[in-house]
C-alpha atoms as a PDB file:
ATOM      1  CA  MET A   1       9.148  42.989 -23.066  1.00  0.00           C
ATOM      2  CA  MET A   2      12.383  43.225 -24.512  1.00  0.00           C
ATOM      3  CA  ARG A   3      14.887  41.254 -26.632  1.00  0.00           C
ATOM      4  CA  LEU A   4      17.237  39.033 -24.899  1.00  0.00           C
ATOM      5  CA  ASP A   5      20.741  40.717 -26.490  1.00  0.00           C
ATOM      6  CA  LYS A   6      19.018  44.392 -26.434  1.00  0.00           C
ATOM      7  CA  LEU A   7      18.888  43.641 -22.464  1.00  0.00           C
ATOM      8  CA  ILE A   8      22.596  42.500 -22.250  1.00  0.00           C
ATOM      9  CA  SER A   9      24.026  44.903 -24.706  1.00  0.00           C
ATOM     10  CA  HIS A  10      22.131  48.020 -22.469  1.00  0.00           C
ATOM     11  CA  SER A  11      23.096  46.493 -19.021  1.00  0.00           C
ATOM     12  CA  THR A  12      26.999  45.203 -19.523  1.00  0.00           C
ATOM     13  CA  VAL A  13      29.959  46.134 -21.274  1.00  0.00           C
ATOM     14  CA  PHE A  14      29.052  43.746 -23.938  1.00  0.00           C
ATOM     15  CA  THR A  15      27.960  45.068 -27.011  1.00  0.00           C
ATOM     16  CA  ARG A  16      25.389  43.999 -29.031  1.00  0.00           C
ATOM     17  CA  SER A  17      27.128  42.168 -31.752  1.00  0.00           C
ATOM     18  CA  GLN A  18      29.292  40.866 -28.537  1.00  0.00           C
ATOM     19  CA  THR A  19      26.599  39.812 -26.892  1.00  0.00           C
ATOM     20  CA  GLY A  20      25.082  37.786 -29.996  1.00  0.00           C
ATOM     21  CA  LYS A  21      27.929  35.821 -30.115  1.00  0.00           C
ATOM     22  CA  LEU A  22      27.662  34.844 -26.208  1.00  0.00           C
ATOM     23  CA  ILE A  23      23.798  34.221 -27.037  1.00  0.00           C
ATOM     24  CA  ARG A  24      24.869  31.776 -30.266  1.00  0.00           C
ATOM     25  CA  LYS A  25      27.463  30.312 -28.212  1.00  0.00           C
ATOM     26  CA  GLY A  26      25.187  28.617 -25.560  1.00  0.00           C
ATOM     27  CA  LEU A  27      26.271  30.923 -22.794  1.00  0.00           C
ATOM     28  CA  ILE A  28      23.501  32.637 -21.314  1.00  0.00           C
ATOM     29  CA  LYS A  29      20.285  31.251 -19.679  1.00  0.00           C
ATOM     30  CA  VAL A  30      16.359  32.398 -19.017  1.00  0.00           C
ATOM     31  CA  ASN A  31      15.119  30.982 -15.999  1.00  0.00           C
ATOM     32  CA  GLY A  32      17.499  28.491 -15.932  1.00  0.00           C
ATOM     33  CA  LYS A  33      17.650  27.612 -19.410  1.00  0.00           C
ATOM     34  CA  VAL A  34      19.854  28.193 -22.397  1.00  0.00           C
ATOM     35  CA  ILE A  35      18.274  30.932 -25.171  1.00  0.00           C
ATOM     36  CA  LYS A  36      20.456  30.715 -28.348  1.00  0.00           C
ATOM     37  CA  LYS A  37      18.031  33.315 -29.786  1.00  0.00           C
ATOM     38  CA  SER A  38      18.877  37.137 -29.480  1.00  0.00           C
ATOM     39  CA  ALA A  39      15.336  37.716 -29.994  1.00  0.00           C
ATOM     40  CA  TYR A  40      13.714  36.203 -27.592  1.00  0.00           C
ATOM     41  CA  LYS A  41      11.189  38.066 -25.271  1.00  0.00           C
ATOM     42  CA  ILE A  42      12.240  38.559 -22.104  1.00  0.00           C
ATOM     43  CA  LEU A  43       9.373  38.939 -19.494  1.00  0.00           C
ATOM     44  CA  PRO A  44       9.534  41.419 -16.283  1.00  0.00           C
ATOM     45  CA  ASP A  45       9.879  38.642 -13.859  1.00  0.00           C
ATOM     46  CA  ASP A  46      12.299  36.295 -16.247  1.00  0.00           C
ATOM     47  CA  HIS A  47      16.033  35.903 -14.784  1.00  0.00           C
ATOM     48  CA  VAL A  48      18.608  36.127 -17.119  1.00  0.00           C
ATOM     49  CA  HIS A  49      22.625  34.642 -16.011  1.00  0.00           C
ATOM     50  CA  TYR A  50      25.651  34.775 -17.661  1.00  0.00           C
ATOM     51  CA  LEU A  51      28.038  31.877 -16.383  1.00  0.00           C
ATOM     52  CA  GLY A  52      25.658  31.976 -13.517  1.00  0.00           C
ATOM     53  CA  ILE A  53      25.980  35.812 -13.076  1.00  0.00           C
ATOM     54  CA  GLU A  54      22.510  37.202 -12.699  1.00  0.00           C
ATOM     55  CA  ILE A  55      22.094  40.332 -15.302  1.00  0.00           C
ATOM     56  CA  ASN A  56      19.337  42.659 -14.204  1.00  0.00           C
ATOM     57  CA  GLN A  57      17.884  45.226 -16.442  1.00  0.00           C
ATOM     58  CA  ALA A  58      19.959  48.358 -16.406  1.00  0.00           C
ATOM     59  CA  LYS A  59      18.326  51.797 -15.419  1.00  0.00           C
ATOM     60  CA  LYS A  60      18.087  54.232 -18.356  1.00  0.00           C
ATOM     61  CA  ARG A  61      20.506  57.639 -17.505  1.00  0.00           C
ATOM     62  CA  TYR A  62      19.514  60.833 -17.514  1.00  0.00           C
ATOM     63  CA  ILE A  63      21.868  63.368 -16.825  1.00  0.00           C
ATOM     64  CA  MET A  64      22.781  67.251 -16.946  1.00  0.00           C
ATOM     65  CA  LEU A  65      26.001  68.888 -17.451  1.00  0.00           C
ATOM     66  CA  TYR A  66      27.462  72.223 -17.450  1.00  0.00           C
ATOM     67  CA  LYS A  67      29.129  72.322 -20.697  1.00  0.00           C
ATOM     68  CA  PRO A  68      32.519  74.789 -20.109  1.00  0.00           C
ATOM     69  CA  LYS A  69      34.341  76.601 -23.073  1.00  0.00           C
ATOM     70  CA  ASP A  70      36.793  74.444 -25.532  1.00  0.00           C
ATOM     71  CA  VAL A  71      34.710  70.929 -24.398  1.00  0.00           C
ATOM     72  CA  VAL A  72      33.058  69.415 -27.695  1.00  0.00           C
ATOM     73  CA  CYS A  73      29.550  67.316 -28.049  1.00  0.00           C
ATOM     74  CA  ALA A  74      31.017  64.091 -28.871  1.00  0.00           C
ATOM     75  CA  THR A  75      31.352  60.611 -28.250  1.00  0.00           C
ATOM     76  CA  SER A  76      34.890  60.810 -28.853  1.00  0.00           C
ATOM     77  CA  ASP A  77      37.308  63.222 -30.252  1.00  0.00           C
ATOM     78  CA  ARG A  78      41.271  62.945 -31.099  1.00  0.00           C
ATOM     79  CA  GLU A  79      41.812  66.837 -30.542  1.00  0.00           C
ATOM     80  CA  HIS A  80      39.660  68.058 -28.145  1.00  0.00           C
ATOM     81  CA  LYS A  81      38.035  66.417 -24.330  1.00  0.00           C
ATOM     82  CA  THR A  82      34.595  65.650 -24.542  1.00  0.00           C
ATOM     83  CA  VAL A  83      31.668  66.240 -23.040  1.00  0.00           C
ATOM     84  CA  LEU A  84      31.573  62.161 -22.093  1.00  0.00           C
ATOM     85  CA  ASP A  85      34.996  62.513 -20.669  1.00  0.00           C
ATOM     86  CA  LEU A  86      33.687  64.505 -17.973  1.00  0.00           C
ATOM     87  CA  LEU A  87      31.694  61.773 -16.643  1.00  0.00           C
ATOM     88  CA  PHE A  88      33.190  59.037 -14.179  1.00  0.00           C
ATOM     89  CA  ILE A  89      30.554  56.910 -14.603  1.00  0.00           C
ATOM     90  CA  SER A  90      30.432  53.063 -16.158  1.00  0.00           C
ATOM     91  CA  ASN A  91      29.531  52.485 -20.175  1.00  0.00           C
ATOM     92  CA  ARG A  92      29.830  55.628 -21.253  1.00  0.00           C
ATOM     93  CA  LYS A  93      29.925  54.164 -24.873  1.00  0.00           C
ATOM     94  CA  LYS A  94      26.463  54.061 -23.831  1.00  0.00           C
ATOM     95  CA  LEU A  95      25.476  57.639 -23.348  1.00  0.00           C
ATOM     96  CA  HIS A  96      24.664  59.708 -26.427  1.00  0.00           C
ATOM     97  CA  ILE A  97      24.016  64.277 -26.104  1.00  0.00           C
ATOM     98  CA  ALA A  98      20.830  65.220 -26.902  1.00  0.00           C
ATOM     99  CA  GLY A  99      21.198  68.431 -28.168  1.00  0.00           C
ATOM    100  CA  ARG A 100      24.546  69.567 -29.171  1.00  0.00           C
ATOM    101  CA  LEU A 101      26.966  72.685 -28.453  1.00  0.00           C
ATOM    102  CA  ASP A 102      29.675  74.415 -30.613  1.00  0.00           C
ATOM    103  CA  ILE A 103      33.274  74.100 -28.703  1.00  0.00           C
ATOM    104  CA  ASP A 104      32.655  77.314 -27.864  1.00  0.00           C
ATOM    105  CA  THR A 105      29.346  77.464 -26.239  1.00  0.00           C
ATOM    106  CA  THR A 106      29.016  77.391 -22.665  1.00  0.00           C
ATOM    107  CA  GLY A 107      25.780  75.611 -20.737  1.00  0.00           C
ATOM    108  CA  LEU A 108      23.605  73.076 -20.385  1.00  0.00           C
ATOM    109  CA  VAL A 109      24.186  69.881 -22.156  1.00  0.00           C
ATOM    110  CA  LEU A 110      21.635  66.928 -21.728  1.00  0.00           C
ATOM    111  CA  ILE A 111      23.088  62.954 -22.335  1.00  0.00           C
ATOM    112  CA  THR A 112      20.804  60.149 -22.182  1.00  0.00           C
ATOM    113  CA  ASP A 113      21.073  56.403 -23.134  1.00  0.00           C
ATOM    114  CA  ASP A 114      17.660  56.999 -24.103  1.00  0.00           C
ATOM    115  CA  GLY A 115      17.091  57.475 -27.927  1.00  0.00           C
ATOM    116  CA  GLN A 116      13.070  58.057 -27.225  1.00  0.00           C
ATOM    117  CA  TRP A 117      13.533  60.729 -24.875  1.00  0.00           C
ATOM    118  CA  SER A 118      16.475  62.276 -26.412  1.00  0.00           C
ATOM    119  CA  HIS A 119      14.086  62.130 -29.713  1.00  0.00           C
ATOM    120  CA  ARG A 120      11.012  64.130 -27.371  1.00  0.00           C
ATOM    121  CA  ILE A 121      13.747  66.643 -26.646  1.00  0.00           C
ATOM    122  CA  THR A 122      15.902  66.813 -30.540  1.00  0.00           C
ATOM    123  CA  SER A 123      12.812  66.667 -32.466  1.00  0.00           C
ATOM    124  CA  PRO A 124      11.422  70.068 -33.667  1.00  0.00           C
ATOM    125  CA  LYS A 125       7.488  68.774 -33.273  1.00  0.00           C
ATOM    126  CA  HIS A 126       8.014  68.579 -29.836  1.00  0.00           C
ATOM    127  CA  LYS A 127       8.989  72.327 -29.625  1.00  0.00           C
ATOM    128  CA  GLN A 128      11.397  72.164 -26.591  1.00  0.00           C
ATOM    129  CA  ALA A 129      12.221  75.998 -26.467  1.00  0.00           C
ATOM    130  CA  LYS A 130      16.044  76.327 -26.115  1.00  0.00           C
ATOM    131  CA  ILE A 131      16.980  79.555 -23.873  1.00  0.00           C
ATOM    132  CA  TYR A 132      20.359  81.328 -24.551  1.00  0.00           C
ATOM    133  CA  ARG A 133      22.275  84.040 -23.145  1.00  0.00           C
ATOM    134  CA  VAL A 134      23.922  86.198 -25.488  1.00  0.00           C
ATOM    135  CA  SER A 135      27.168  88.610 -25.460  1.00  0.00           C
ATOM    136  CA  LEU A 136      27.897  91.271 -28.323  1.00  0.00           C
ATOM    137  CA  THR A 137      30.891  93.261 -28.589  1.00  0.00           C
ATOM    138  CA  GLU A 138      28.642  96.331 -28.769  1.00  0.00           C
ATOM    139  CA  ALA A 139      24.873  97.779 -27.788  1.00  0.00           C
ATOM    140  CA  ILE A 140      22.320  96.446 -29.954  1.00  0.00           C
ATOM    141  CA  THR A 141      19.723  98.399 -31.128  1.00  0.00           C
ATOM    142  CA  THR A 142      15.942  98.759 -30.685  1.00  0.00           C
ATOM    143  CA  GLU A 143      16.104  97.680 -34.660  1.00  0.00           C
ATOM    144  CA  ALA A 144      17.641  94.727 -34.520  1.00  0.00           C
ATOM    145  CA  ILE A 145      16.048  93.328 -32.379  1.00  0.00           C
ATOM    146  CA  GLN A 146      12.552  93.551 -33.590  1.00  0.00           C
ATOM    147  CA  SER A 147      14.798  91.785 -36.575  1.00  0.00           C
ATOM    148  CA  LEU A 148      15.464  89.345 -34.055  1.00  0.00           C
ATOM    149  CA  ARG A 149      11.821  88.588 -33.383  1.00  0.00           C
ATOM    150  CA  GLN A 150       9.870  88.574 -36.629  1.00  0.00           C
ATOM    151  CA  GLY A 151      12.768  85.783 -38.337  1.00  0.00           C
ATOM    152  CA  ILE A 152      15.518  86.594 -40.636  1.00  0.00           C
ATOM    153  CA  LEU A 153      16.239  85.199 -43.549  1.00  0.00           C
ATOM    154  CA  LEU A 154      19.705  83.646 -43.749  1.00  0.00           C
ATOM    155  CA  LYS A 155      22.163  83.248 -45.961  1.00  0.00           C
ATOM    156  CA  GLY A 156      21.838  80.007 -47.923  1.00  0.00           C
ATOM    157  CA  GLU A 157      18.049  79.050 -46.404  1.00  0.00           C
ATOM    158  CA  LYS A 158      15.246  79.100 -48.187  1.00  0.00           C
ATOM    159  CA  LYS A 159      12.643  79.682 -44.901  1.00  0.00           C
ATOM    160  CA  PRO A 160      13.386  82.326 -42.524  1.00  0.00           C
ATOM    161  CA  THR A 161      13.536  81.562 -38.730  1.00  0.00           C
ATOM    162  CA  LEU A 162      10.981  81.335 -37.021  1.00  0.00           C
ATOM    163  CA  ALA A 163      10.005  84.067 -34.550  1.00  0.00           C
ATOM    164  CA  THR A 164      12.392  84.518 -31.830  1.00  0.00           C
ATOM    165  CA  GLU A 165      11.627  85.391 -28.055  1.00  0.00           C
ATOM    166  CA  VAL A 166      14.245  88.783 -27.555  1.00  0.00           C
ATOM    167  CA  THR A 167      14.634  90.138 -24.053  1.00  0.00           C
ATOM    168  CA  LYS A 168      16.624  92.304 -23.860  1.00  0.00           C
ATOM    169  CA  LEU A 169      19.123  92.548 -20.247  1.00  0.00           C
ATOM    170  CA  ASN A 170      21.782  95.611 -20.481  1.00  0.00           C
ATOM    171  CA  ASN A 171      22.986  97.234 -23.926  1.00  0.00           C
ATOM    172  CA  THR A 172      25.430  94.118 -25.029  1.00  0.00           C
ATOM    173  CA  THR A 173      22.988  91.213 -23.245  1.00  0.00           C
ATOM    174  CA  LEU A 174      20.190  89.441 -24.571  1.00  0.00           C
ATOM    175  CA  LEU A 175      18.317  86.017 -23.566  1.00  0.00           C
ATOM    176  CA  LEU A 176      17.105  84.637 -26.791  1.00  0.00           C
ATOM    177  CA  THR A 177      14.525  81.401 -26.863  1.00  0.00           C
ATOM    178  CA  LEU A 178      14.131  79.580 -30.147  1.00  0.00           C
ATOM    179  CA  ASN A 179      11.816  76.710 -31.154  1.00  0.00           C
ATOM    180  CA  GLU A 180      14.209  75.210 -34.105  1.00  0.00           C
ATOM    181  CA  GLY A 181      18.266  74.691 -33.982  1.00  0.00           C
ATOM    182  CA  ARG A 182      19.556  75.468 -37.509  1.00  0.00           C
ATOM    183  CA  TYR A 183      23.331  75.425 -37.811  1.00  0.00           C
ATOM    184  CA  HIS A 184      25.070  77.949 -35.480  1.00  0.00           C
ATOM    185  CA  GLN A 185      21.815  79.936 -35.802  1.00  0.00           C
ATOM    186  CA  ILE A 186      22.301  82.688 -33.401  1.00  0.00           C
ATOM    187  CA  LYS A 187      25.636  83.654 -34.456  1.00  0.00           C
ATOM    188  CA  ARG A 188      24.237  83.651 -38.132  1.00  0.00           C
ATOM    189  CA  MET A 189      20.912  85.687 -36.971  1.00  0.00           C
ATOM    190  CA  LEU A 190      23.243  88.503 -34.871  1.00  0.00           C
ATOM    191  CA  THR A 191      25.478  88.615 -38.189  1.00  0.00           C
ATOM    192  CA  ALA A 192      22.382  89.227 -40.675  1.00  0.00           C
ATOM    193  CA  VAL A 193      21.774  92.634 -38.150  1.00  0.00           C
ATOM    194  CA  GLY A 194      25.174  93.714 -38.192  1.00  0.00           C
ATOM    195  CA  TYR A 195      26.304  92.051 -34.275  1.00  0.00           C
ATOM    196  CA  HIS A 196      29.202  89.477 -33.366  1.00  0.00           C
ATOM    197  CA  VAL A 197      28.797  87.201 -30.721  1.00  0.00           C
ATOM    198  CA  ILE A 198      31.563  86.629 -28.111  1.00  0.00           C
ATOM    199  CA  ALA A 199      30.148  84.645 -25.578  1.00  0.00           C
ATOM    200  CA  LEU A 200      26.767  81.806 -26.043  1.00  0.00           C
ATOM    201  CA  HIS A 201      25.473  80.354 -23.231  1.00  0.00           C
ATOM    202  CA  ARG A 202      22.427  78.106 -23.223  1.00  0.00           C
ATOM    203  CA  GLN A 203      20.645  78.083 -19.528  1.00  0.00           C
ATOM    204  CA  GLN A 204      17.678  76.085 -20.168  1.00  0.00           C
ATOM    205  CA  ILE A 205      16.019  73.462 -22.978  1.00  0.00           C
ATOM    206  CA  GLY A 206      12.188  73.047 -22.659  1.00  0.00           C
ATOM    207  CA  THR A 207      11.594  72.938 -18.699  1.00  0.00           C
ATOM    208  CA  ILE A 208      14.976  71.811 -17.864  1.00  0.00           C
ATOM    209  CA  ARG A 209      16.872  74.410 -16.707  1.00  0.00           C
ATOM    210  CA  LEU A 210      20.981  74.874 -15.962  1.00  0.00           C
ATOM    211  CA  ASP A 211      21.260  73.554 -11.748  1.00  0.00           C
ATOM    212  CA  PRO A 212      22.785  77.093 -10.642  1.00  0.00           C
ATOM    213  CA  ASN A 213      24.166  74.568  -8.179  1.00  0.00           C
ATOM    214  CA  LEU A 214      26.649  73.985 -10.806  1.00  0.00           C
ATOM    215  CA  SER A 215      29.814  74.681 -11.600  1.00  0.00           C
ATOM    216  CA  THR A 216      31.256  74.792 -14.946  1.00  0.00           C
ATOM    217  CA  GLY A 217      32.370  70.512 -16.056  1.00  0.00           C
ATOM    218  CA  GLU A 218      30.469  69.272 -12.857  1.00  0.00           C
ATOM    219  CA  TRP A 219      27.294  67.551 -13.803  1.00  0.00           C
ATOM    220  CA  ARG A 220      23.914  65.765 -11.746  1.00  0.00           C
ATOM    221  CA  GLU A 221      21.784  63.347 -12.853  1.00  0.00           C
ATOM    222  CA  LEU A 222      17.926  64.625 -13.185  1.00  0.00           C
ATOM    223  CA  ASN A 223      15.337  64.253 -11.118  1.00  0.00           C
ATOM    224  CA  GLN A 224      12.163  62.333 -12.272  1.00  0.00           C
ATOM    225  CA  ARG A 225      10.041  66.057 -12.857  1.00  0.00           C
ATOM    226  CA  GLU A 226      12.956  66.734 -15.277  1.00  0.00           C
ATOM    227  CA  ILE A 227      12.850  63.729 -16.809  1.00  0.00           C
ATOM    228  CA  ASN A 228       9.019  63.604 -17.289  1.00  0.00           C
ATOM    229  CA  LEU A 229       9.571  67.437 -18.511  1.00  0.00           C
ATOM    230  CA  ASN A 230       7.733  69.195 -16.007  1.00  0.00           C
ATOM    231  CA  GLY A 231       9.540  71.643 -15.483  1.00  0.00           C
END
């Protein structure tokens, strides 16, 4: 069951407050009967109408986007283009970002209107590892890589970072797998061992991999296997 006001606000352009006003004015009917309570519970077989137009429950949306550089992970921004600005779909304001990236970081961003699903993506207790490709200005030493793997006590932090999986692709390029998401974590970790990050790219969250067929700025809906987080 779902609250009447939630069903309408999720399935139309109306906000939750606007929906409440429509209900109180007697403009919403359920199975032909006027309902004036926002908390009224809607059953799967109920028919909800507004001015004679049936409102069907909207399906949840799950999107992967290849975030370009200089685009912000925000729902709105006065100075920069946002990831939502790249989506030419209806009701964009009802979407949110599940795991943000810095403005200069590229790669996989997940966008949804399913709060429970995004919690599974972002909550540390669900352990959805994030994999990043990191480009450095100079060749990294074996000692520095070992420090990253063991965990580093960052400036201003009380606990060291969790053990990090590190794969060396070449002298200046690494793959880092993180199981936590501290503020500017990768850049701060590399700075702590004496290196400067010149490019950062997220290519995977949990079992969801950035589609190689997507170009920068492009997006697609997730398939059911990806939504289920089964790879």
